[in-house]
């Protein structure tokens, strides 16, 4: 029996070593393939959306193409939602996630993160007539969020028990619910709310309070030092030649903050 257990443990160790080796060598596999599969948003303007002719566009789309180009690879864009973007990475459907991905302790247990490439604050928004200055003021109110986002987890932790948090599979569902009056408030990114306000005739969302100051990162599987170094090198190059700043200004109408522009790995 002891021999069987030892053989079982040895097998597990060999499998784990094989997985780590495969992860570490993934850059080589990607280079042989010639394409970088990048999970990107399709429902989260201005970071990612689909035009009438079904073309992907947005800040994350431009950053995905920039990274692939700087790595000498062809980008293969894989549309995802907030709820499934990490799963696409874990199941091998994407090599990289560039989809308004924020970094926190829980996510760092599962995946690795590049240097930041864009600012992204999470806030609560709603019409002028609703007075909300902090989590306590959410009592008795209905808040819409996209499932699996920072806003979802943060509001779940901080909102009082009488607040009703409605979760939607994607941001289009959340936005539609707000426009239809099904939720009073939304928890989302600042720039997403600005874009929403620009196309809303009435009930324009105004920022109530900042949930968390944050940034966007590229996500990849752990134990891939070669791929991580290549991605960070591509981002550093784009920061130094001001190309990344131009992308951020194009889509967010603000420059890349100095704190992020000077952060290299």
C-alpha atoms as a PDB file:
ATOM      1  CA  UNK A   1       0.000   0.000   0.000  1.00  0.00           C
ATOM      2  CA  UNK A   2       2.851   2.362   0.859  1.00  0.00           C
ATOM      3  CA  UNK A   3       4.428   1.674  -2.540  1.00  0.00           C
ATOM      4  CA  UNK A   4       1.158   2.515  -4.291  1.00  0.00           C
ATOM      5  CA  UNK A   5       0.910   5.792  -2.387  1.00  0.00           C
ATOM      6  CA  UNK A   6       4.508   6.662  -3.225  1.00  0.00           C
ATOM      7  CA  UNK A   7       3.912   5.939  -6.904  1.00  0.00           C
ATOM      8  CA  UNK A   8       0.754   8.083  -6.807  1.00  0.00           C
ATOM      9  CA  UNK A   9       2.600  11.016  -5.233  1.00  0.00           C
ATOM     10  CA  UNK A  10       5.437  10.635  -7.716  1.00  0.00           C
ATOM     11  CA  UNK A  11       2.934  10.737 -10.590  1.00  0.00           C
ATOM     12  CA  UNK A  12       1.349  13.911  -9.216  1.00  0.00           C
ATOM     13  CA  UNK A  13       4.756  15.555  -8.927  1.00  0.00           C
ATOM     14  CA  UNK A  14       5.671  14.607 -12.478  1.00  0.00           C
ATOM     15  CA  UNK A  15       2.367  15.986 -13.776  1.00  0.00           C
ATOM     16  CA  UNK A  16       2.878  19.229 -11.845  1.00  0.00           C
ATOM     17  CA  UNK A  17       6.419  19.549 -13.175  1.00  0.00           C
ATOM     18  CA  UNK A  18       5.143  18.938 -16.684  1.00  0.00           C
ATOM     19  CA  UNK A  19       2.484  21.634 -16.320  1.00  0.00           C
ATOM     20  CA  UNK A  20       5.026  24.128 -14.984  1.00  0.00           C
ATOM     21  CA  UNK A  21       7.361  23.317 -17.874  1.00  0.00           C
ATOM     22  CA  UNK A  22       4.530  23.756 -20.382  1.00  0.00           C
ATOM     23  CA  UNK A  23       3.647  27.115 -18.849  1.00  0.00           C
ATOM     24  CA  UNK A  24       7.243  28.296 -18.876  1.00  0.00           C
ATOM     25  CA  UNK A  25       7.632  27.266 -22.516  1.00  0.00           C
ATOM     26  CA  UNK A  26       4.334  28.746 -23.737  1.00  0.00           C
ATOM     27  CA  UNK A  27       6.088  31.753 -25.328  1.00  0.00           C
ATOM     28  CA  UNK A  28       8.060  29.375 -27.528  1.00  0.00           C
ATOM     29  CA  UNK A  29       4.834  27.639 -28.569  1.00  0.00           C
ATOM     30  CA  UNK A  30       3.192  30.993 -29.303  1.00  0.00           C
ATOM     31  CA  UNK A  31       6.144  32.111 -31.402  1.00  0.00           C
ATOM     32  CA  UNK A  32       6.052  28.872 -33.395  1.00  0.00           C
ATOM     33  CA  UNK A  33       2.335  29.403 -33.986  1.00  0.00           C
ATOM     34  CA  UNK A  34       2.939  33.017 -34.978  1.00  0.00           C
ATOM     35  CA  UNK A  35      -0.246  34.292 -33.337  1.00  0.00           C
ATOM     36  CA  UNK A  36      -1.053  35.642 -29.869  1.00  0.00           C
ATOM     37  CA  UNK A  37      -4.575  34.743 -28.742  1.00  0.00           C
ATOM     38  CA  UNK A  38      -5.850  37.671 -26.689  1.00  0.00           C
ATOM     39  CA  UNK A  39      -9.160  37.738 -24.807  1.00  0.00           C
ATOM     40  CA  UNK A  40     -10.743  41.194 -25.264  1.00  0.00           C
ATOM     41  CA  UNK A  41     -14.055  42.832 -24.259  1.00  0.00           C
ATOM     42  CA  UNK A  42     -16.889  43.163 -26.752  1.00  0.00           C
ATOM     43  CA  UNK A  43     -19.491  44.882 -24.576  1.00  0.00           C
ATOM     44  CA  UNK A  44     -17.587  47.487 -22.571  1.00  0.00           C
ATOM     45  CA  UNK A  45     -17.073  50.706 -24.546  1.00  0.00           C
ATOM     46  CA  UNK A  46     -14.763  52.574 -24.709  1.00  0.00           C
ATOM     47  CA  UNK A  47     -12.491  49.632 -23.781  1.00  0.00           C
ATOM     48  CA  UNK A  48     -14.074  47.220 -26.220  1.00  0.00           C
ATOM     49  CA  UNK A  49     -17.194  47.135 -28.390  1.00  0.00           C
ATOM     50  CA  UNK A  50     -18.448  45.901 -31.744  1.00  0.00           C
ATOM     51  CA  UNK A  51     -19.175  48.239 -34.668  1.00  0.00           C
ATOM     52  CA  UNK A  52     -22.205  47.746 -36.984  1.00  0.00           C
ATOM     53  CA  UNK A  53     -19.939  45.832 -39.386  1.00  0.00           C
ATOM     54  CA  UNK A  54     -18.901  43.501 -36.491  1.00  0.00           C
ATOM     55  CA  UNK A  55     -15.411  44.963 -36.095  1.00  0.00           C
ATOM     56  CA  UNK A  56     -13.938  45.070 -32.602  1.00  0.00           C
ATOM     57  CA  UNK A  57     -12.778  48.496 -31.455  1.00  0.00           C
ATOM     58  CA  UNK A  58     -11.681  50.189 -28.227  1.00  0.00           C
ATOM     59  CA  UNK A  59      -8.760  50.874 -25.915  1.00  0.00           C
ATOM     60  CA  UNK A  60      -8.196  47.221 -25.008  1.00  0.00           C
ATOM     61  CA  UNK A  61      -8.394  46.237 -28.666  1.00  0.00           C
ATOM     62  CA  UNK A  62      -5.687  48.752 -29.586  1.00  0.00           C
ATOM     63  CA  UNK A  63      -3.497  47.657 -26.654  1.00  0.00           C
ATOM     64  CA  UNK A  64      -3.910  43.989 -27.633  1.00  0.00           C
ATOM     65  CA  UNK A  65      -2.777  44.724 -31.181  1.00  0.00           C
ATOM     66  CA  UNK A  66       0.079  46.901 -29.924  1.00  0.00           C
ATOM     67  CA  UNK A  67       1.437  44.156 -27.642  1.00  0.00           C
ATOM     68  CA  UNK A  68       1.205  41.524 -30.377  1.00  0.00           C
ATOM     69  CA  UNK A  69       2.958  43.822 -32.866  1.00  0.00           C
ATOM     70  CA  UNK A  70       5.762  44.657 -30.417  1.00  0.00           C
ATOM     71  CA  UNK A  71       6.216  40.920 -29.819  1.00  0.00           C
ATOM     72  CA  UNK A  72       6.425  40.280 -33.563  1.00  0.00           C
ATOM     73  CA  UNK A  73       3.181  38.282 -33.572  1.00  0.00           C
ATOM     74  CA  UNK A  74      -0.205  38.398 -35.265  1.00  0.00           C
ATOM     75  CA  UNK A  75      -3.045  39.181 -32.850  1.00  0.00           C
ATOM     76  CA  UNK A  76      -5.956  36.740 -32.679  1.00  0.00           C
ATOM     77  CA  UNK A  77      -8.725  38.577 -30.802  1.00  0.00           C
ATOM     78  CA  UNK A  78     -11.033  36.393 -28.707  1.00  0.00           C
ATOM     79  CA  UNK A  79     -14.219  38.226 -27.560  1.00  0.00           C
ATOM     80  CA  UNK A  80     -15.125  37.592 -23.905  1.00  0.00           C
ATOM     81  CA  UNK A  81     -17.367  38.942 -21.138  1.00  0.00           C
ATOM     82  CA  UNK A  82     -16.364  39.994 -17.624  1.00  0.00           C
ATOM     83  CA  UNK A  83     -17.740  36.722 -16.269  1.00  0.00           C
ATOM     84  CA  UNK A  84     -15.761  34.338 -18.512  1.00  0.00           C
ATOM     85  CA  UNK A  85     -12.517  36.169 -19.322  1.00  0.00           C
ATOM     86  CA  UNK A  86     -10.382  34.410 -16.678  1.00  0.00           C
ATOM     87  CA  UNK A  87     -11.952  31.043 -17.535  1.00  0.00           C
ATOM     88  CA  UNK A  88     -10.887  31.509 -21.169  1.00  0.00           C
ATOM     89  CA  UNK A  89      -7.313  31.925 -19.961  1.00  0.00           C
ATOM     90  CA  UNK A  90      -7.447  28.938 -17.601  1.00  0.00           C
ATOM     91  CA  UNK A  91      -8.919  26.613 -20.220  1.00  0.00           C
ATOM     92  CA  UNK A  92      -6.361  27.511 -22.879  1.00  0.00           C
ATOM     93  CA  UNK A  93      -8.717  29.432 -25.147  1.00  0.00           C
ATOM     94  CA  UNK A  94      -6.521  32.536 -24.795  1.00  0.00           C
ATOM     95  CA  UNK A  95      -2.839  33.182 -24.086  1.00  0.00           C
ATOM     96  CA  UNK A  96      -3.481  36.600 -22.608  1.00  0.00           C
ATOM     97  CA  UNK A  97      -6.406  38.609 -21.217  1.00  0.00           C
ATOM     98  CA  UNK A  98      -6.645  42.328 -22.002  1.00  0.00           C
ATOM     99  CA  UNK A  99     -10.159  43.095 -20.835  1.00  0.00           C
ATOM    100  CA  UNK A 100     -10.307  45.876 -18.196  1.00  0.00           C
ATOM    101  CA  UNK A 101      -8.787  43.393 -15.776  1.00  0.00           C
ATOM    102  CA  UNK A 102      -8.083  44.774 -12.308  1.00  0.00           C
ATOM    103  CA  UNK A 103      -5.659  43.220  -9.831  1.00  0.00           C
ATOM    104  CA  UNK A 104      -6.558  42.034  -6.333  1.00  0.00           C
ATOM    105  CA  UNK A 105      -5.349  39.431  -3.854  1.00  0.00           C
ATOM    106  CA  UNK A 106      -7.922  36.809  -4.825  1.00  0.00           C
ATOM    107  CA  UNK A 107      -7.134  37.023  -8.527  1.00  0.00           C
ATOM    108  CA  UNK A 108      -3.403  36.937  -7.838  1.00  0.00           C
ATOM    109  CA  UNK A 109      -3.896  33.482  -6.334  1.00  0.00           C
ATOM    110  CA  UNK A 110      -5.102  32.271  -9.740  1.00  0.00           C
ATOM    111  CA  UNK A 111      -3.337  34.284 -12.449  1.00  0.00           C
ATOM    112  CA  UNK A 112      -0.393  36.639 -12.948  1.00  0.00           C
ATOM    113  CA  UNK A 113      -0.510  40.300 -13.982  1.00  0.00           C
ATOM    114  CA  UNK A 114       1.601  42.489 -16.236  1.00  0.00           C
ATOM    115  CA  UNK A 115       2.536  46.068 -15.503  1.00  0.00           C
ATOM    116  CA  UNK A 116      -0.494  48.422 -15.732  1.00  0.00           C
ATOM    117  CA  UNK A 117      -1.436  49.917 -19.077  1.00  0.00           C
ATOM    118  CA  UNK A 118      -4.464  52.129 -18.347  1.00  0.00           C
ATOM    119  CA  UNK A 119      -6.219  53.960 -15.507  1.00  0.00           C
ATOM    120  CA  UNK A 120      -9.558  52.603 -14.352  1.00  0.00           C
ATOM    121  CA  UNK A 121     -11.547  53.809 -11.348  1.00  0.00           C
ATOM    122  CA  UNK A 122     -14.562  51.887 -10.077  1.00  0.00           C
ATOM    123  CA  UNK A 123     -17.446  54.058  -8.900  1.00  0.00           C
ATOM    124  CA  UNK A 124     -21.167  54.150  -8.189  1.00  0.00           C
ATOM    125  CA  UNK A 125     -23.241  56.210 -10.634  1.00  0.00           C
ATOM    126  CA  UNK A 126     -26.856  57.322 -10.743  1.00  0.00           C
ATOM    127  CA  UNK A 127     -29.186  60.233 -11.567  1.00  0.00           C
ATOM    128  CA  UNK A 128     -28.802  63.594  -9.843  1.00  0.00           C
ATOM    129  CA  UNK A 129     -31.960  63.125  -7.786  1.00  0.00           C
ATOM    130  CA  UNK A 130     -30.569  60.167  -5.825  1.00  0.00           C
ATOM    131  CA  UNK A 131     -28.284  61.220  -2.980  1.00  0.00           C
ATOM    132  CA  UNK A 132     -25.530  58.706  -2.336  1.00  0.00           C
ATOM    133  CA  UNK A 133     -22.202  59.615  -0.742  1.00  0.00           C
ATOM    134  CA  UNK A 134     -20.988  56.209   0.409  1.00  0.00           C
ATOM    135  CA  UNK A 135     -21.912  52.547   0.918  1.00  0.00           C
ATOM    136  CA  UNK A 136     -24.300  53.258   3.808  1.00  0.00           C
ATOM    137  CA  UNK A 137     -26.484  55.365   1.493  1.00  0.00           C
ATOM    138  CA  UNK A 138     -27.131  52.307  -0.710  1.00  0.00           C
ATOM    139  CA  UNK A 139     -29.586  50.983   1.877  1.00  0.00           C
ATOM    140  CA  UNK A 140     -32.934  50.218   0.225  1.00  0.00           C
ATOM    141  CA  UNK A 141     -31.619  50.996  -3.251  1.00  0.00           C
ATOM    142  CA  UNK A 142     -31.152  48.783  -6.321  1.00  0.00           C
ATOM    143  CA  UNK A 143     -27.711  48.680  -7.933  1.00  0.00           C
ATOM    144  CA  UNK A 144     -26.812  47.023 -11.232  1.00  0.00           C
ATOM    145  CA  UNK A 145     -23.392  45.466 -11.889  1.00  0.00           C
ATOM    146  CA  UNK A 146     -21.808  43.194 -14.474  1.00  0.00           C
ATOM    147  CA  UNK A 147     -21.285  39.765 -12.965  1.00  0.00           C
ATOM    148  CA  UNK A 148     -17.708  38.874 -12.016  1.00  0.00           C
ATOM    149  CA  UNK A 149     -16.353  42.447 -11.981  1.00  0.00           C
ATOM    150  CA  UNK A 150     -14.584  44.321  -9.165  1.00  0.00           C
ATOM    151  CA  UNK A 151     -17.738  46.330  -8.687  1.00  0.00           C
ATOM    152  CA  UNK A 152     -19.699  43.129  -8.123  1.00  0.00           C
ATOM    153  CA  UNK A 153     -17.346  41.839  -5.414  1.00  0.00           C
ATOM    154  CA  UNK A 154     -16.721  45.219  -3.784  1.00  0.00           C
ATOM    155  CA  UNK A 155     -20.374  46.223  -3.526  1.00  0.00           C
ATOM    156  CA  UNK A 156     -21.271  42.746  -2.274  1.00  0.00           C
ATOM    157  CA  UNK A 157     -18.836  43.329   0.596  1.00  0.00           C
ATOM    158  CA  UNK A 158     -19.690  46.945   1.435  1.00  0.00           C
ATOM    159  CA  UNK A 159     -23.389  47.497   0.637  1.00  0.00           C
ATOM    160  CA  UNK A 160     -25.829  47.202   3.573  1.00  0.00           C
ATOM    161  CA  UNK A 161     -28.154  44.164   3.754  1.00  0.00           C
ATOM    162  CA  UNK A 162     -31.168  46.108   2.489  1.00  0.00           C
ATOM    163  CA  UNK A 163     -29.418  47.072  -0.752  1.00  0.00           C
ATOM    164  CA  UNK A 164     -30.414  44.979  -3.764  1.00  0.00           C
ATOM    165  CA  UNK A 165     -27.531  44.128  -6.120  1.00  0.00           C
ATOM    166  CA  UNK A 166     -28.706  42.927  -9.535  1.00  0.00           C
ATOM    167  CA  UNK A 167     -26.084  41.056 -11.525  1.00  0.00           C
ATOM    168  CA  UNK A 168     -26.083  40.955 -15.328  1.00  0.00           C
ATOM    169  CA  UNK A 169     -24.082  38.650 -17.558  1.00  0.00           C
ATOM    170  CA  UNK A 170     -22.507  41.562 -19.394  1.00  0.00           C
ATOM    171  CA  UNK A 171     -22.369  45.341 -19.379  1.00  0.00           C
ATOM    172  CA  UNK A 172     -24.949  45.688 -22.136  1.00  0.00           C
ATOM    173  CA  UNK A 173     -27.462  43.984 -19.850  1.00  0.00           C
ATOM    174  CA  UNK A 174     -26.555  46.280 -16.971  1.00  0.00           C
ATOM    175  CA  UNK A 175     -26.779  49.404 -19.135  1.00  0.00           C
ATOM    176  CA  UNK A 176     -30.131  48.330 -20.595  1.00  0.00           C
ATOM    177  CA  UNK A 177     -31.467  47.772 -17.081  1.00  0.00           C
ATOM    178  CA  UNK A 178     -30.399  51.285 -16.038  1.00  0.00           C
ATOM    179  CA  UNK A 179     -31.930  52.903 -19.121  1.00  0.00           C
ATOM    180  CA  UNK A 180     -35.166  50.966 -18.541  1.00  0.00           C
ATOM    181  CA  UNK A 181     -35.349  52.055 -14.911  1.00  0.00           C
ATOM    182  CA  UNK A 182     -34.930  48.509 -13.582  1.00  0.00           C
ATOM    183  CA  UNK A 183     -32.045  49.637 -11.361  1.00  0.00           C
ATOM    184  CA  UNK A 184     -31.558  53.013  -9.693  1.00  0.00           C
ATOM    185  CA  UNK A 185     -27.765  52.970  -9.698  1.00  0.00           C
ATOM    186  CA  UNK A 186     -24.899  51.192 -11.422  1.00  0.00           C
ATOM    187  CA  UNK A 187     -21.457  50.186 -10.251  1.00  0.00           C
ATOM    188  CA  UNK A 188     -19.007  50.474 -13.129  1.00  0.00           C
ATOM    189  CA  UNK A 189     -15.856  52.117 -14.435  1.00  0.00           C
ATOM    190  CA  UNK A 190     -15.723  55.901 -14.642  1.00  0.00           C
ATOM    191  CA  UNK A 191     -15.075  56.032 -18.361  1.00  0.00           C
ATOM    192  CA  UNK A 192     -17.819  53.530 -19.108  1.00  0.00           C
ATOM    193  CA  UNK A 193     -20.276  55.753 -17.268  1.00  0.00           C
ATOM    194  CA  UNK A 194     -19.055  58.812 -19.177  1.00  0.00           C
ATOM    195  CA  UNK A 195     -19.684  56.990 -22.457  1.00  0.00           C
ATOM    196  CA  UNK A 196     -23.125  55.956 -21.198  1.00  0.00           C
ATOM    197  CA  UNK A 197     -23.986  59.545 -20.251  1.00  0.00           C
ATOM    198  CA  UNK A 198     -23.000  60.761 -23.706  1.00  0.00           C
ATOM    199  CA  UNK A 199     -25.685  58.628 -25.371  1.00  0.00           C
ATOM    200  CA  UNK A 200     -28.400  58.973 -22.735  1.00  0.00           C
ATOM    201  CA  UNK A 201     -31.064  61.596 -23.356  1.00  0.00           C
ATOM    202  CA  UNK A 202     -32.384  61.546 -19.790  1.00  0.00           C
ATOM    203  CA  UNK A 203     -31.514  59.977 -16.461  1.00  0.00           C
ATOM    204  CA  UNK A 204     -27.860  60.725 -17.101  1.00  0.00           C
ATOM    205  CA  UNK A 205     -25.588  58.923 -14.601  1.00  0.00           C
ATOM    206  CA  UNK A 206     -23.502  61.097 -12.309  1.00  0.00           C
ATOM    207  CA  UNK A 207     -20.689  59.824 -10.113  1.00  0.00           C
ATOM    208  CA  UNK A 208     -21.771  59.307  -6.502  1.00  0.00           C
ATOM    209  CA  UNK A 209     -18.569  57.992  -4.926  1.00  0.00           C
ATOM    210  CA  UNK A 210     -15.385  56.170  -5.890  1.00  0.00           C
ATOM    211  CA  UNK A 211     -15.367  52.539  -4.814  1.00  0.00           C
ATOM    212  CA  UNK A 212     -11.692  52.065  -5.613  1.00  0.00           C
ATOM    213  CA  UNK A 213      -8.935  53.722  -7.607  1.00  0.00           C
ATOM    214  CA  UNK A 214      -7.583  51.091  -9.939  1.00  0.00           C
ATOM    215  CA  UNK A 215      -5.760  50.320 -13.172  1.00  0.00           C
ATOM    216  CA  UNK A 216      -6.009  47.795 -16.002  1.00  0.00           C
ATOM    217  CA  UNK A 217      -3.505  44.957 -16.385  1.00  0.00           C
ATOM    218  CA  UNK A 218      -2.908  42.154 -18.851  1.00  0.00           C
ATOM    219  CA  UNK A 219      -3.563  38.775 -17.250  1.00  0.00           C
ATOM    220  CA  UNK A 220      -1.756  35.512 -17.990  1.00  0.00           C
ATOM    221  CA  UNK A 221      -1.273  32.127 -16.383  1.00  0.00           C
ATOM    222  CA  UNK A 222       1.198  31.799 -13.549  1.00  0.00           C
ATOM    223  CA  UNK A 223       4.694  30.346 -14.019  1.00  0.00           C
ATOM    224  CA  UNK A 224       5.245  31.854 -17.461  1.00  0.00           C
ATOM    225  CA  UNK A 225       8.292  34.098 -16.931  1.00  0.00           C
ATOM    226  CA  UNK A 226       9.233  34.236 -20.596  1.00  0.00           C
ATOM    227  CA  UNK A 227       5.765  35.329 -21.720  1.00  0.00           C
ATOM    228  CA  UNK A 228       5.492  37.799 -18.831  1.00  0.00           C
ATOM    229  CA  UNK A 229       8.830  39.368 -19.740  1.00  0.00           C
ATOM    230  CA  UNK A 230       7.807  39.678 -23.397  1.00  0.00           C
ATOM    231  CA  UNK A 231       4.465  41.316 -22.557  1.00  0.00           C
ATOM    232  CA  UNK A 232       6.042  43.761 -20.109  1.00  0.00           C
ATOM    233  CA  UNK A 233       8.783  44.589 -22.600  1.00  0.00           C
ATOM    234  CA  UNK A 234       6.127  45.353 -25.234  1.00  0.00           C
ATOM    235  CA  UNK A 235       4.272  47.641 -22.797  1.00  0.00           C
ATOM    236  CA  UNK A 236       7.473  49.368 -21.631  1.00  0.00           C
ATOM    237  CA  UNK A 237       8.424  50.125 -25.227  1.00  0.00           C
ATOM    238  CA  UNK A 238       4.952  51.587 -25.862  1.00  0.00           C
ATOM    239  CA  UNK A 239       5.219  53.763 -22.749  1.00  0.00           C
ATOM    240  CA  UNK A 240       8.663  55.072 -23.640  1.00  0.00           C
ATOM    241  CA  UNK A 241       7.751  56.003 -27.218  1.00  0.00           C
ATOM    242  CA  UNK A 242       4.429  57.570 -26.065  1.00  0.00           C
ATOM    243  CA  UNK A 243       2.327  55.173 -28.165  1.00  0.00           C
ATOM    244  CA  UNK A 244       0.430  53.856 -25.142  1.00  0.00           C
ATOM    245  CA  UNK A 245      -0.294  57.400 -23.963  1.00  0.00           C
ATOM    246  CA  UNK A 246      -1.771  58.179 -27.391  1.00  0.00           C
ATOM    247  CA  UNK A 247      -4.110  55.172 -27.150  1.00  0.00           C
ATOM    248  CA  UNK A 248      -5.298  56.163 -23.668  1.00  0.00           C
ATOM    249  CA  UNK A 249      -5.918  59.769 -24.753  1.00  0.00           C
ATOM    250  CA  UNK A 250      -7.766  58.587 -27.861  1.00  0.00           C
ATOM    251  CA  UNK A 251     -10.293  56.480 -25.941  1.00  0.00           C
ATOM    252  CA  UNK A 252     -10.458  58.040 -22.462  1.00  0.00           C
ATOM    253  CA  UNK A 253      -9.744  61.691 -23.252  1.00  0.00           C
ATOM    254  CA  UNK A 254      -7.121  61.823 -20.472  1.00  0.00           C
ATOM    255  CA  UNK A 255      -3.349  61.209 -20.598  1.00  0.00           C
ATOM    256  CA  UNK A 256      -1.761  58.102 -19.149  1.00  0.00           C
ATOM    257  CA  UNK A 257      -1.079  59.085 -15.495  1.00  0.00           C
ATOM    258  CA  UNK A 258       2.609  59.632 -14.669  1.00  0.00           C
ATOM    259  CA  UNK A 259       2.433  56.928 -12.003  1.00  0.00           C
ATOM    260  CA  UNK A 260       1.478  54.348 -14.629  1.00  0.00           C
ATOM    261  CA  UNK A 261       3.626  55.779 -17.420  1.00  0.00           C
ATOM    262  CA  UNK A 262       6.758  55.370 -15.284  1.00  0.00           C
ATOM    263  CA  UNK A 263       5.956  51.900 -14.015  1.00  0.00           C
ATOM    264  CA  UNK A 264       8.108  49.329 -15.794  1.00  0.00           C
ATOM    265  CA  UNK A 265       8.754  45.669 -14.983  1.00  0.00           C
END
